[in-house]
Amino acid sequence: METCSPPSALNITGLILAGGRGTRMGGIDKGLALLDGQPMAAHVVARLAPQVNSLIINANRNQDSYAAFGAPVWPDEQPGFAGPLAGLQAGLRHCATPYLATAPCDSPYLPHDLVQRLAQALASAGADLAVASTREGSDQDIWPQPVFMLLKTALLTDLNDYLQGGGRKMETWYRRLNYCETLFTDADAFRNINTREQLLQR
């Protein structure tokens, strides 16, 4: 992997992943579902935008509605709602900075220091990709949160090859790479809202 300047807010683009089907929420576009009177994606924009240089959004439906948030909107290049890796591919393709930070549209409480801490971990480890992790369950096992990551844009070539070879799993892809994980103590900040019931409980 080529050498580039250490990551900072000035050279990181934020990508909001909003390209899913919303199956568990009855097929509605989760990023546009209202939470406290605002679309969930608006909450994510408000938290992620101050942490990065600029934002882009991956969406396969309702692109005009997402464009109203003030960021360019790009659909998957892979057909058939191919999952978060397809959204990541679209984001990397249109990223104008050497680093890209990702967050899903249905996690409205993501940490305010998400990108800063991922950047610190990536630089300290000399890694090409940093993934957030949390402690989960009664035994407090450490679990990765792979849709919250910071990575070098130059990984696009490797991701293209992985997808063209039929790969679809996020963890299988990044664990082949020079990656590191960063532990966040507030697991609730990474909770995603998948159902109408969860949306009403918030």
N, C-alpha and C. Protein backbone atom coordinates (compact mmCIF):
# COMPACT_ATOMS: atom_id res chain seq x y z
N MET A 1 0.85 -1.19 0.00
CA MET A 1 0.00 0.00 0.00
C MET A 1 0.88 1.24 0.00
N GLU A 2 0.55 2.20 -0.87
CA GLU A 2 1.34 3.41 -0.98
C GLU A 2 1.24 4.25 0.28
N THR A 3 2.32 5.01 0.54
CA THR A 3 2.35 5.88 1.72
C THR A 3 1.59 7.16 1.44
N CYS A 4 0.81 7.64 2.43
CA CYS A 4 0.13 8.92 2.30
C CYS A 4 0.15 9.61 3.65
N SER A 5 -0.22 10.87 3.66
CA SER A 5 -0.19 11.64 4.90
C SER A 5 -1.08 11.00 5.96
N PRO A 6 -0.75 11.18 7.25
CA PRO A 6 -1.60 10.63 8.30
C PRO A 6 -3.02 11.18 8.18
N PRO A 7 -4.00 10.37 8.57
CA PRO A 7 -5.39 10.83 8.45
C PRO A 7 -5.70 11.95 9.43
N SER A 8 -6.46 12.93 8.94
CA SER A 8 -6.96 14.02 9.77
C SER A 8 -8.30 14.45 9.17
N ALA A 9 -9.02 15.29 9.89
CA ALA A 9 -10.33 15.73 9.39
C ALA A 9 -10.22 16.37 8.01
N LEU A 10 -9.05 16.93 7.68
CA LEU A 10 -8.89 17.63 6.42
C LEU A 10 -8.77 16.69 5.22
N ASN A 11 -8.32 15.46 5.45
CA ASN A 11 -8.12 14.55 4.31
C ASN A 11 -8.97 13.29 4.40
N ILE A 12 -10.10 13.39 5.10
CA ILE A 12 -11.03 12.26 5.24
C ILE A 12 -12.40 12.68 4.72
N THR A 13 -12.96 11.84 3.86
CA THR A 13 -14.34 11.99 3.41
C THR A 13 -15.21 11.03 4.22
N GLY A 14 -16.40 11.46 4.58
CA GLY A 14 -17.34 10.60 5.27
C GLY A 14 -18.33 9.99 4.30
N LEU A 15 -18.60 8.70 4.46
CA LEU A 15 -19.57 7.99 3.62
C LEU A 15 -20.70 7.46 4.49
N ILE A 16 -21.93 7.86 4.18
CA ILE A 16 -23.10 7.32 4.86
C ILE A 16 -23.70 6.22 3.99
N LEU A 17 -23.79 5.03 4.55
CA LEU A 17 -24.29 3.86 3.82
C LEU A 17 -25.81 3.77 3.99
N ALA A 18 -26.52 4.02 2.89
CA ALA A 18 -27.98 4.01 2.94
C ALA A 18 -28.55 3.22 1.77
N GLY A 19 -27.83 2.19 1.36
CA GLY A 19 -28.21 1.48 0.14
C GLY A 19 -28.97 0.19 0.34
N GLY A 20 -29.40 -0.11 1.60
CA GLY A 20 -30.06 -1.38 1.87
C GLY A 20 -31.53 -1.39 1.51
N ARG A 21 -32.11 -2.59 1.62
CA ARG A 21 -33.52 -2.77 1.30
C ARG A 21 -34.46 -2.38 2.44
N GLY A 22 -33.95 -2.32 3.69
CA GLY A 22 -34.83 -2.05 4.82
C GLY A 22 -35.82 -3.17 5.07
N THR A 23 -35.39 -4.42 4.83
CA THR A 23 -36.31 -5.56 4.89
C THR A 23 -36.97 -5.70 6.25
N ARG A 24 -36.19 -5.58 7.31
CA ARG A 24 -36.74 -5.78 8.66
C ARG A 24 -37.60 -4.62 9.12
N MET A 25 -37.64 -3.55 8.32
CA MET A 25 -38.52 -2.43 8.64
C MET A 25 -39.63 -2.33 7.61
N GLY A 26 -39.97 -3.49 7.04
CA GLY A 26 -41.09 -3.55 6.10
C GLY A 26 -40.77 -3.01 4.72
N GLY A 27 -39.49 -2.92 4.40
CA GLY A 27 -39.10 -2.47 3.07
C GLY A 27 -39.00 -0.97 2.91
N ILE A 28 -39.23 -0.20 3.99
CA ILE A 28 -39.10 1.25 3.87
C ILE A 28 -37.62 1.62 3.86
N ASP A 29 -37.35 2.80 3.39
CA ASP A 29 -35.98 3.30 3.33
C ASP A 29 -35.60 3.78 4.74
N LYS A 30 -34.77 3.00 5.43
CA LYS A 30 -34.50 3.27 6.84
C LYS A 30 -33.90 4.66 7.07
N GLY A 31 -33.04 5.10 6.20
CA GLY A 31 -32.42 6.39 6.39
C GLY A 31 -33.40 7.54 6.39
N LEU A 32 -34.57 7.34 5.78
CA LEU A 32 -35.58 8.39 5.70
C LEU A 32 -36.69 8.21 6.74
N ALA A 33 -36.65 7.13 7.52
CA ALA A 33 -37.61 6.93 8.59
C ALA A 33 -37.40 8.00 9.66
N LEU A 34 -38.48 8.54 10.19
CA LEU A 34 -38.39 9.66 11.11
C LEU A 34 -38.05 9.21 12.52
N LEU A 35 -37.11 9.90 13.11
CA LEU A 35 -36.72 9.72 14.51
C LEU A 35 -36.68 11.10 15.14
N ASP A 36 -37.51 11.31 16.15
CA ASP A 36 -37.61 12.64 16.78
C ASP A 36 -37.89 13.72 15.75
N GLY A 37 -38.72 13.37 14.76
CA GLY A 37 -39.16 14.35 13.78
C GLY A 37 -38.22 14.59 12.61
N GLN A 38 -37.08 13.88 12.60
CA GLN A 38 -36.12 14.03 11.50
C GLN A 38 -35.75 12.67 10.93
N PRO A 39 -35.42 12.61 9.64
CA PRO A 39 -34.95 11.33 9.08
C PRO A 39 -33.72 10.83 9.83
N MET A 40 -33.63 9.51 9.99
CA MET A 40 -32.46 8.97 10.70
C MET A 40 -31.16 9.41 10.06
N ALA A 41 -31.15 9.46 8.73
CA ALA A 41 -29.92 9.87 8.05
C ALA A 41 -29.52 11.29 8.42
N ALA A 42 -30.48 12.15 8.73
CA ALA A 42 -30.15 13.51 9.15
C ALA A 42 -29.40 13.52 10.46
N HIS A 43 -29.77 12.62 11.37
CA HIS A 43 -29.03 12.51 12.63
C HIS A 43 -27.59 12.06 12.38
N VAL A 44 -27.43 11.11 11.45
CA VAL A 44 -26.09 10.63 11.13
C VAL A 44 -25.26 11.74 10.48
N VAL A 45 -25.87 12.49 9.57
CA VAL A 45 -25.18 13.62 8.94
C VAL A 45 -24.70 14.60 10.00
N ALA A 46 -25.58 14.92 10.95
CA ALA A 46 -25.23 15.90 11.98
C ALA A 46 -24.06 15.45 12.84
N ARG A 47 -23.94 14.15 13.05
CA ARG A 47 -22.84 13.63 13.88
C ARG A 47 -21.55 13.43 13.09
N LEU A 48 -21.68 12.97 11.84
CA LEU A 48 -20.48 12.63 11.07
C LEU A 48 -19.86 13.83 10.38
N ALA A 49 -20.66 14.76 9.90
CA ALA A 49 -20.14 15.87 9.10
C ALA A 49 -19.06 16.68 9.82
N PRO A 50 -19.20 17.00 11.12
CA PRO A 50 -18.15 17.79 11.78
C PRO A 50 -16.82 17.04 11.92
N GLN A 51 -16.83 15.73 11.70
CA GLN A 51 -15.63 14.92 11.91
C GLN A 51 -14.80 14.73 10.66
N VAL A 52 -15.31 15.18 9.50
CA VAL A 52 -14.66 14.91 8.22
C VAL A 52 -14.62 16.17 7.37
N ASN A 53 -13.90 16.07 6.25
CA ASN A 53 -13.80 17.21 5.33
C ASN A 53 -15.08 17.43 4.55
N SER A 54 -15.70 16.33 4.11
CA SER A 54 -16.93 16.41 3.31
C SER A 54 -17.64 15.07 3.40
N LEU A 55 -18.89 15.04 2.93
CA LEU A 55 -19.70 13.83 2.99
C LEU A 55 -20.12 13.40 1.60
N ILE A 56 -20.30 12.07 1.45
CA ILE A 56 -21.01 11.50 0.31
C ILE A 56 -21.96 10.45 0.87
N ILE A 57 -23.00 10.15 0.10
CA ILE A 57 -24.03 9.20 0.54
C ILE A 57 -24.19 8.12 -0.51
N ASN A 58 -24.25 6.89 -0.05
CA ASN A 58 -24.57 5.77 -0.93
C ASN A 58 -26.04 5.41 -0.74
N ALA A 59 -26.83 5.54 -1.80
CA ALA A 59 -28.26 5.21 -1.74
C ALA A 59 -28.71 4.66 -3.08
N ASN A 60 -29.57 3.66 -3.02
CA ASN A 60 -30.09 3.05 -4.23
C ASN A 60 -31.55 3.42 -4.51
N ARG A 61 -32.16 4.11 -3.55
CA ARG A 61 -33.55 4.58 -3.71
C ARG A 61 -33.63 6.02 -3.20
N ASN A 62 -34.69 6.72 -3.62
CA ASN A 62 -34.98 8.04 -3.08
C ASN A 62 -33.76 8.96 -3.07
N GLN A 63 -33.04 8.95 -4.17
CA GLN A 63 -31.78 9.69 -4.20
C GLN A 63 -31.98 11.20 -4.09
N ASP A 64 -33.09 11.71 -4.59
CA ASP A 64 -33.35 13.15 -4.44
C ASP A 64 -33.55 13.53 -2.98
N SER A 65 -34.19 12.65 -2.23
CA SER A 65 -34.41 12.92 -0.80
C SER A 65 -33.07 12.95 -0.06
N TYR A 66 -32.18 12.03 -0.40
CA TYR A 66 -30.86 12.04 0.24
C TYR A 66 -30.02 13.23 -0.20
N ALA A 67 -30.17 13.63 -1.46
CA ALA A 67 -29.42 14.78 -1.95
C ALA A 67 -29.80 16.06 -1.20
N ALA A 68 -31.00 16.08 -0.63
CA ALA A 68 -31.45 17.25 0.12
C ALA A 68 -30.61 17.48 1.38
N PHE A 69 -29.85 16.47 1.81
CA PHE A 69 -28.97 16.64 2.96
C PHE A 69 -27.70 17.42 2.59
N GLY A 70 -27.52 17.71 1.30
CA GLY A 70 -26.41 18.56 0.88
C GLY A 70 -25.15 17.84 0.50
N ALA A 71 -25.23 16.53 0.27
CA ALA A 71 -24.05 15.75 -0.10
C ALA A 71 -24.32 15.00 -1.41
N PRO A 72 -23.28 14.74 -2.21
CA PRO A 72 -23.47 13.94 -3.42
C PRO A 72 -23.97 12.54 -3.07
N VAL A 73 -24.83 12.00 -3.91
CA VAL A 73 -25.43 10.68 -3.69
C VAL A 73 -25.04 9.76 -4.83
N TRP A 74 -24.52 8.57 -4.47
CA TRP A 74 -24.08 7.61 -5.47
C TRP A 74 -24.69 6.24 -5.19
N PRO A 75 -25.24 5.57 -6.20
CA PRO A 75 -25.78 4.22 -6.02
C PRO A 75 -24.69 3.16 -6.11
N ASP A 76 -25.04 1.93 -5.74
CA ASP A 76 -24.14 0.80 -5.92
C ASP A 76 -23.81 0.62 -7.39
N GLU A 77 -22.62 0.14 -7.65
CA GLU A 77 -22.27 -0.29 -9.01
C GLU A 77 -22.68 -1.74 -9.23
N GLN A 78 -22.70 -2.51 -8.14
CA GLN A 78 -23.12 -3.90 -8.21
C GLN A 78 -24.65 -3.96 -8.25
N PRO A 79 -25.24 -4.85 -9.04
CA PRO A 79 -26.70 -4.92 -9.10
C PRO A 79 -27.30 -5.66 -7.91
N GLY A 80 -28.58 -5.40 -7.66
CA GLY A 80 -29.35 -6.22 -6.74
C GLY A 80 -29.10 -6.01 -5.26
N PHE A 81 -28.84 -4.79 -4.82
CA PHE A 81 -28.66 -4.51 -3.39
C PHE A 81 -27.63 -5.49 -2.81
N ALA A 82 -26.40 -5.36 -3.24
CA ALA A 82 -25.36 -6.35 -2.93
C ALA A 82 -24.74 -6.19 -1.55
N GLY A 83 -25.25 -5.28 -0.73
CA GLY A 83 -24.76 -5.19 0.64
C GLY A 83 -23.80 -4.04 0.86
N PRO A 84 -23.30 -3.91 2.11
CA PRO A 84 -22.48 -2.74 2.45
C PRO A 84 -21.17 -2.65 1.68
N LEU A 85 -20.61 -3.79 1.27
CA LEU A 85 -19.37 -3.70 0.49
C LEU A 85 -19.61 -3.01 -0.86
N ALA A 86 -20.78 -3.22 -1.44
CA ALA A 86 -21.10 -2.53 -2.69
C ALA A 86 -21.22 -1.03 -2.46
N GLY A 87 -21.80 -0.66 -1.32
CA GLY A 87 -21.88 0.75 -0.97
C GLY A 87 -20.50 1.34 -0.72
N LEU A 88 -19.65 0.56 -0.07
CA LEU A 88 -18.28 1.00 0.17
C LEU A 88 -17.55 1.18 -1.15
N GLN A 89 -17.74 0.28 -2.08
CA GLN A 89 -17.12 0.40 -3.40
C GLN A 89 -17.53 1.71 -4.08
N ALA A 90 -18.81 2.02 -4.04
CA ALA A 90 -19.29 3.26 -4.64
C ALA A 90 -18.66 4.47 -3.95
N GLY A 91 -18.57 4.42 -2.62
CA GLY A 91 -17.97 5.51 -1.89
C GLY A 91 -16.51 5.71 -2.23
N LEU A 92 -15.76 4.62 -2.29
CA LEU A 92 -14.34 4.71 -2.63
C LEU A 92 -14.15 5.23 -4.05
N ARG A 93 -15.02 4.83 -4.94
CA ARG A 93 -14.91 5.27 -6.34
C ARG A 93 -15.04 6.79 -6.46
N HIS A 94 -15.84 7.38 -5.61
CA HIS A 94 -16.13 8.81 -5.73
C HIS A 94 -15.50 9.63 -4.61
N CYS A 95 -14.56 9.04 -3.88
CA CYS A 95 -13.89 9.73 -2.78
C CYS A 95 -12.72 10.54 -3.32
N ALA A 96 -12.68 11.83 -2.98
CA ALA A 96 -11.64 12.73 -3.50
C ALA A 96 -10.49 12.92 -2.52
N THR A 97 -10.54 12.24 -1.36
CA THR A 97 -9.48 12.35 -0.36
C THR A 97 -8.79 10.99 -0.20
N PRO A 98 -7.62 10.95 0.44
CA PRO A 98 -6.91 9.68 0.57
C PRO A 98 -7.53 8.72 1.60
N TYR A 99 -8.48 9.21 2.40
CA TYR A 99 -9.12 8.35 3.40
C TYR A 99 -10.64 8.50 3.33
N LEU A 100 -11.31 7.42 3.70
CA LEU A 100 -12.77 7.39 3.73
C LEU A 100 -13.21 6.80 5.07
N ALA A 101 -14.15 7.48 5.74
CA ALA A 101 -14.74 6.99 6.98
C ALA A 101 -16.20 6.64 6.72
N THR A 102 -16.67 5.51 7.24
CA THR A 102 -18.01 5.04 6.93
C THR A 102 -18.88 4.94 8.18
N ALA A 103 -20.18 5.13 7.97
CA ALA A 103 -21.18 4.93 9.02
C ALA A 103 -22.50 4.60 8.34
N PRO A 104 -23.34 3.76 8.95
CA PRO A 104 -24.63 3.42 8.35
C PRO A 104 -25.68 4.47 8.66
N CYS A 105 -26.70 4.53 7.83
CA CYS A 105 -27.75 5.54 7.98
C CYS A 105 -28.68 5.26 9.14
N ASP A 106 -28.60 4.06 9.74
CA ASP A 106 -29.55 3.69 10.79
C ASP A 106 -28.90 3.64 12.17
N SER A 107 -27.78 4.31 12.35
CA SER A 107 -27.11 4.41 13.65
C SER A 107 -26.99 5.88 14.04
N PRO A 108 -28.08 6.46 14.53
CA PRO A 108 -28.13 7.91 14.72
C PRO A 108 -27.35 8.44 15.92
N TYR A 109 -26.80 7.54 16.73
CA TYR A 109 -26.09 7.98 17.94
C TYR A 109 -24.60 7.68 17.89
N LEU A 110 -24.04 7.61 16.69
CA LEU A 110 -22.63 7.27 16.54
C LEU A 110 -21.76 8.27 17.30
N PRO A 111 -20.58 7.83 17.78
CA PRO A 111 -19.75 8.69 18.63
C PRO A 111 -19.27 9.96 17.93
N HIS A 112 -19.21 11.04 18.68
CA HIS A 112 -18.71 12.30 18.14
C HIS A 112 -17.21 12.25 17.86
N ASP A 113 -16.51 11.29 18.48
CA ASP A 113 -15.07 11.15 18.25
C ASP A 113 -14.73 9.90 17.45
N LEU A 114 -15.70 9.37 16.72
CA LEU A 114 -15.50 8.13 15.96
C LEU A 114 -14.30 8.24 15.02
N VAL A 115 -14.31 9.24 14.16
CA VAL A 115 -13.28 9.36 13.13
C VAL A 115 -11.93 9.67 13.75
N GLN A 116 -11.90 10.55 14.73
CA GLN A 116 -10.64 10.90 15.39
C GLN A 116 -9.97 9.67 15.98
N ARG A 117 -10.73 8.85 16.67
CA ARG A 117 -10.15 7.67 17.32
C ARG A 117 -9.74 6.61 16.30
N LEU A 118 -10.51 6.43 15.26
CA LEU A 118 -10.11 5.50 14.21
C LEU A 118 -8.84 5.98 13.52
N ALA A 119 -8.74 7.29 13.30
CA ALA A 119 -7.54 7.85 12.66
C ALA A 119 -6.31 7.64 13.53
N GLN A 120 -6.46 7.86 14.82
CA GLN A 120 -5.34 7.65 15.74
C GLN A 120 -4.89 6.20 15.73
N ALA A 121 -5.84 5.28 15.74
CA ALA A 121 -5.51 3.86 15.74
C ALA A 121 -4.82 3.45 14.45
N LEU A 122 -5.34 3.93 13.33
CA LEU A 122 -4.77 3.58 12.04
C LEU A 122 -3.33 4.07 11.94
N ALA A 123 -3.09 5.30 12.36
CA ALA A 123 -1.74 5.87 12.28
C ALA A 123 -0.79 5.14 13.24
N SER A 124 -1.25 4.85 14.45
CA SER A 124 -0.39 4.19 15.44
C SER A 124 -0.01 2.78 15.01
N ALA A 125 -0.95 2.09 14.38
CA ALA A 125 -0.71 0.70 13.97
C ALA A 125 -0.03 0.61 12.61
N GLY A 126 0.07 1.72 11.90
CA GLY A 126 0.61 1.67 10.55
C GLY A 126 -0.28 0.83 9.64
N ALA A 127 -1.59 0.88 9.90
CA ALA A 127 -2.54 0.04 9.18
C ALA A 127 -3.12 0.78 7.98
N ASP A 128 -3.81 0.02 7.13
CA ASP A 128 -4.49 0.60 5.98
C ASP A 128 -5.98 0.77 6.24
N LEU A 129 -6.47 0.14 7.31
CA LEU A 129 -7.89 0.15 7.60
C LEU A 129 -8.08 -0.02 9.10
N ALA A 130 -8.96 0.77 9.70
CA ALA A 130 -9.27 0.66 11.13
C ALA A 130 -10.76 0.45 11.30
N VAL A 131 -11.12 -0.49 12.17
CA VAL A 131 -12.52 -0.86 12.41
C VAL A 131 -12.87 -0.61 13.87
N ALA A 132 -14.04 -0.06 14.12
CA ALA A 132 -14.51 0.11 15.49
C ALA A 132 -14.91 -1.25 16.06
N SER A 133 -14.78 -1.41 17.39
CA SER A 133 -15.25 -2.61 18.06
C SER A 133 -15.85 -2.22 19.41
N THR A 134 -16.71 -3.10 19.94
CA THR A 134 -17.37 -2.85 21.22
C THR A 134 -17.41 -4.14 22.02
N ARG A 135 -17.68 -4.01 23.32
CA ARG A 135 -17.90 -5.18 24.16
C ARG A 135 -19.39 -5.47 24.21
N GLU A 136 -19.75 -6.74 23.99
CA GLU A 136 -21.16 -7.12 23.89
C GLU A 136 -21.46 -8.32 24.79
N GLY A 137 -22.71 -8.38 25.25
CA GLY A 137 -23.19 -9.55 25.97
C GLY A 137 -22.74 -9.61 27.41
N SER A 138 -23.24 -10.61 28.11
CA SER A 138 -22.94 -10.75 29.53
C SER A 138 -21.47 -11.05 29.80
N ASP A 139 -20.80 -11.71 28.84
CA ASP A 139 -19.39 -12.02 29.02
C ASP A 139 -18.47 -10.94 28.45
N GLN A 140 -19.09 -9.87 27.90
CA GLN A 140 -18.32 -8.72 27.42
C GLN A 140 -17.26 -9.08 26.39
N ASP A 141 -17.61 -9.98 25.49
CA ASP A 141 -16.72 -10.30 24.38
C ASP A 141 -16.58 -9.08 23.47
N ILE A 142 -15.44 -8.98 22.81
CA ILE A 142 -15.20 -7.88 21.88
C ILE A 142 -15.72 -8.26 20.50
N TRP A 143 -16.56 -7.39 19.96
CA TRP A 143 -17.16 -7.62 18.65
C TRP A 143 -16.82 -6.46 17.72
N PRO A 144 -16.41 -6.76 16.49
CA PRO A 144 -16.17 -5.68 15.54
C PRO A 144 -17.47 -5.06 15.06
N GLN A 145 -17.40 -3.79 14.69
CA GLN A 145 -18.52 -3.06 14.10
C GLN A 145 -18.06 -2.60 12.71
N PRO A 146 -18.01 -3.52 11.76
CA PRO A 146 -17.28 -3.24 10.51
C PRO A 146 -17.88 -2.18 9.60
N VAL A 147 -19.16 -1.79 9.81
CA VAL A 147 -19.68 -0.71 8.97
C VAL A 147 -19.23 0.66 9.49
N PHE A 148 -18.51 0.67 10.62
CA PHE A 148 -17.87 1.87 11.13
C PHE A 148 -16.37 1.70 10.95
N MET A 149 -15.84 2.23 9.89
CA MET A 149 -14.42 2.04 9.60
C MET A 149 -13.81 3.28 8.99
N LEU A 150 -12.49 3.32 9.03
CA LEU A 150 -11.69 4.32 8.32
C LEU A 150 -10.68 3.56 7.49
N LEU A 151 -10.59 3.88 6.22
CA LEU A 151 -9.68 3.14 5.36
C LEU A 151 -9.06 4.04 4.31
N LYS A 152 -7.95 3.56 3.77
CA LYS A 152 -7.29 4.27 2.68
C LYS A 152 -8.08 4.06 1.39
N THR A 153 -8.28 5.14 0.65
CA THR A 153 -9.03 5.07 -0.59
C THR A 153 -8.36 4.15 -1.61
N ALA A 154 -7.05 3.98 -1.49
CA ALA A 154 -6.30 3.11 -2.41
C ALA A 154 -6.72 1.65 -2.32
N LEU A 155 -7.50 1.29 -1.29
CA LEU A 155 -7.97 -0.10 -1.18
C LEU A 155 -9.07 -0.43 -2.19
N LEU A 156 -9.50 0.56 -2.97
CA LEU A 156 -10.55 0.31 -3.96
C LEU A 156 -10.18 -0.83 -4.91
N THR A 157 -8.95 -0.87 -5.38
CA THR A 157 -8.54 -1.91 -6.33
C THR A 157 -8.72 -3.29 -5.73
N ASP A 158 -8.29 -3.46 -4.48
CA ASP A 158 -8.44 -4.76 -3.82
C ASP A 158 -9.92 -5.11 -3.65
N LEU A 159 -10.73 -4.12 -3.27
CA LEU A 159 -12.16 -4.38 -3.09
C LEU A 159 -12.82 -4.75 -4.41
N ASN A 160 -12.44 -4.08 -5.48
CA ASN A 160 -12.98 -4.44 -6.81
C ASN A 160 -12.69 -5.91 -7.12
N ASP A 161 -11.47 -6.32 -6.88
CA ASP A 161 -11.09 -7.71 -7.16
C ASP A 161 -11.89 -8.68 -6.29
N TYR A 162 -12.07 -8.33 -5.03
CA TYR A 162 -12.81 -9.20 -4.11
C TYR A 162 -14.28 -9.35 -4.56
N LEU A 163 -14.90 -8.25 -4.93
CA LEU A 163 -16.29 -8.30 -5.37
C LEU A 163 -16.43 -9.03 -6.71
N GLN A 164 -15.49 -8.80 -7.61
CA GLN A 164 -15.55 -9.48 -8.90
C GLN A 164 -15.37 -10.99 -8.75
N GLY A 165 -14.68 -11.39 -7.67
CA GLY A 165 -14.50 -12.81 -7.40
C GLY A 165 -15.68 -13.43 -6.67
N GLY A 166 -16.73 -12.65 -6.44
CA GLY A 166 -17.93 -13.18 -5.80
C GLY A 166 -18.01 -12.94 -4.30
N GLY A 167 -17.00 -12.30 -3.72
CA GLY A 167 -17.01 -12.03 -2.30
C GLY A 167 -18.07 -11.00 -1.93
N ARG A 168 -18.68 -11.18 -0.76
CA ARG A 168 -19.72 -10.24 -0.31
C ARG A 168 -19.60 -9.89 1.18
N LYS A 169 -18.85 -10.65 1.96
CA LYS A 169 -18.82 -10.45 3.41
C LYS A 169 -17.78 -9.41 3.80
N MET A 170 -18.24 -8.42 4.54
CA MET A 170 -17.37 -7.32 4.97
C MET A 170 -16.17 -7.83 5.76
N GLU A 171 -16.42 -8.67 6.76
CA GLU A 171 -15.32 -9.10 7.63
C GLU A 171 -14.34 -9.98 6.88
N THR A 172 -14.82 -10.83 5.99
CA THR A 172 -13.91 -11.67 5.21
C THR A 172 -12.99 -10.80 4.36
N TRP A 173 -13.54 -9.71 3.83
CA TRP A 173 -12.71 -8.83 3.00
C TRP A 173 -11.63 -8.12 3.82
N TYR A 174 -12.04 -7.41 4.87
CA TYR A 174 -11.04 -6.56 5.52
C TYR A 174 -10.04 -7.35 6.34
N ARG A 175 -10.39 -8.56 6.78
CA ARG A 175 -9.44 -9.35 7.57
C ARG A 175 -8.32 -9.95 6.73
N ARG A 176 -8.41 -9.79 5.43
CA ARG A 176 -7.31 -10.16 4.54
C ARG A 176 -6.26 -9.05 4.48
N LEU A 177 -6.60 -7.88 5.00
CA LEU A 177 -5.80 -6.68 4.81
C LEU A 177 -4.99 -6.33 6.06
N ASN A 178 -4.21 -5.27 5.96
CA ASN A 178 -3.45 -4.74 7.09
C ASN A 178 -4.39 -3.84 7.89
N TYR A 179 -5.11 -4.43 8.86
CA TYR A 179 -6.14 -3.69 9.58
C TYR A 179 -5.88 -3.70 11.08
N CYS A 180 -6.58 -2.81 11.78
CA CYS A 180 -6.55 -2.79 13.23
C CYS A 180 -7.97 -2.53 13.74
N GLU A 181 -8.20 -2.81 15.01
CA GLU A 181 -9.50 -2.55 15.62
C GLU A 181 -9.33 -1.55 16.77
N THR A 182 -10.34 -0.75 17.00
CA THR A 182 -10.34 0.25 18.06
C THR A 182 -11.55 0.01 18.95
N LEU A 183 -11.31 -0.18 20.24
CA LEU A 183 -12.39 -0.49 21.17
C LEU A 183 -13.06 0.78 21.68
N PHE A 184 -14.36 0.85 21.53
CA PHE A 184 -15.18 1.93 22.07
C PHE A 184 -15.99 1.37 23.24
N THR A 185 -16.04 2.10 24.34
CA THR A 185 -16.69 1.58 25.55
C THR A 185 -18.20 1.73 25.52
N ASP A 186 -18.72 2.69 24.74
CA ASP A 186 -20.16 2.91 24.68
C ASP A 186 -20.77 2.12 23.53
N ALA A 187 -21.16 0.89 23.82
CA ALA A 187 -21.71 0.04 22.76
C ALA A 187 -23.03 0.59 22.22
N ASP A 188 -23.80 1.29 23.06
CA ASP A 188 -25.08 1.82 22.61
C ASP A 188 -24.94 2.83 21.49
N ALA A 189 -23.79 3.48 21.41
CA ALA A 189 -23.58 4.46 20.35
C ALA A 189 -23.58 3.83 18.97
N PHE A 190 -23.38 2.52 18.92
CA PHE A 190 -23.29 1.81 17.65
C PHE A 190 -24.56 1.02 17.33
N ARG A 191 -25.57 1.12 18.19
CA ARG A 191 -26.81 0.38 17.94
C ARG A 191 -27.48 0.90 16.68
N ASN A 192 -27.90 -0.02 15.84
CA ASN A 192 -28.66 0.40 14.68
C ASN A 192 -30.14 0.09 14.88
N ILE A 193 -30.98 0.86 14.23
CA ILE A 193 -32.42 0.73 14.35
C ILE A 193 -32.92 -0.03 13.12
N ASN A 194 -33.34 -1.27 13.33
CA ASN A 194 -33.68 -2.15 12.21
C ASN A 194 -35.17 -2.36 12.02
N THR A 195 -35.97 -2.11 13.06
CA THR A 195 -37.40 -2.41 12.99
C THR A 195 -38.22 -1.20 13.39
N ARG A 196 -39.50 -1.22 13.05
CA ARG A 196 -40.40 -0.14 13.46
C ARG A 196 -40.50 -0.07 14.98
N GLU A 197 -40.47 -1.24 15.62
CA GLU A 197 -40.56 -1.28 17.08
C GLU A 197 -39.37 -0.57 17.73
N GLN A 198 -38.17 -0.83 17.22
CA GLN A 198 -37.00 -0.16 17.74
C GLN A 198 -37.06 1.34 17.50
N LEU A 199 -37.62 1.73 16.38
CA LEU A 199 -37.74 3.15 16.08
C LEU A 199 -38.67 3.83 17.07
N LEU A 200 -39.76 3.18 17.43
CA LEU A 200 -40.72 3.75 18.37
C LEU A 200 -40.19 3.78 19.79
N GLN A 201 -39.26 2.87 20.10
CA GLN A 201 -38.71 2.80 21.46
C GLN A 201 -37.71 3.89 21.72
N ARG A 202 -37.13 4.48 20.67
CA ARG A 202 -36.10 5.49 20.85
C ARG A 202 -36.67 6.83 21.29
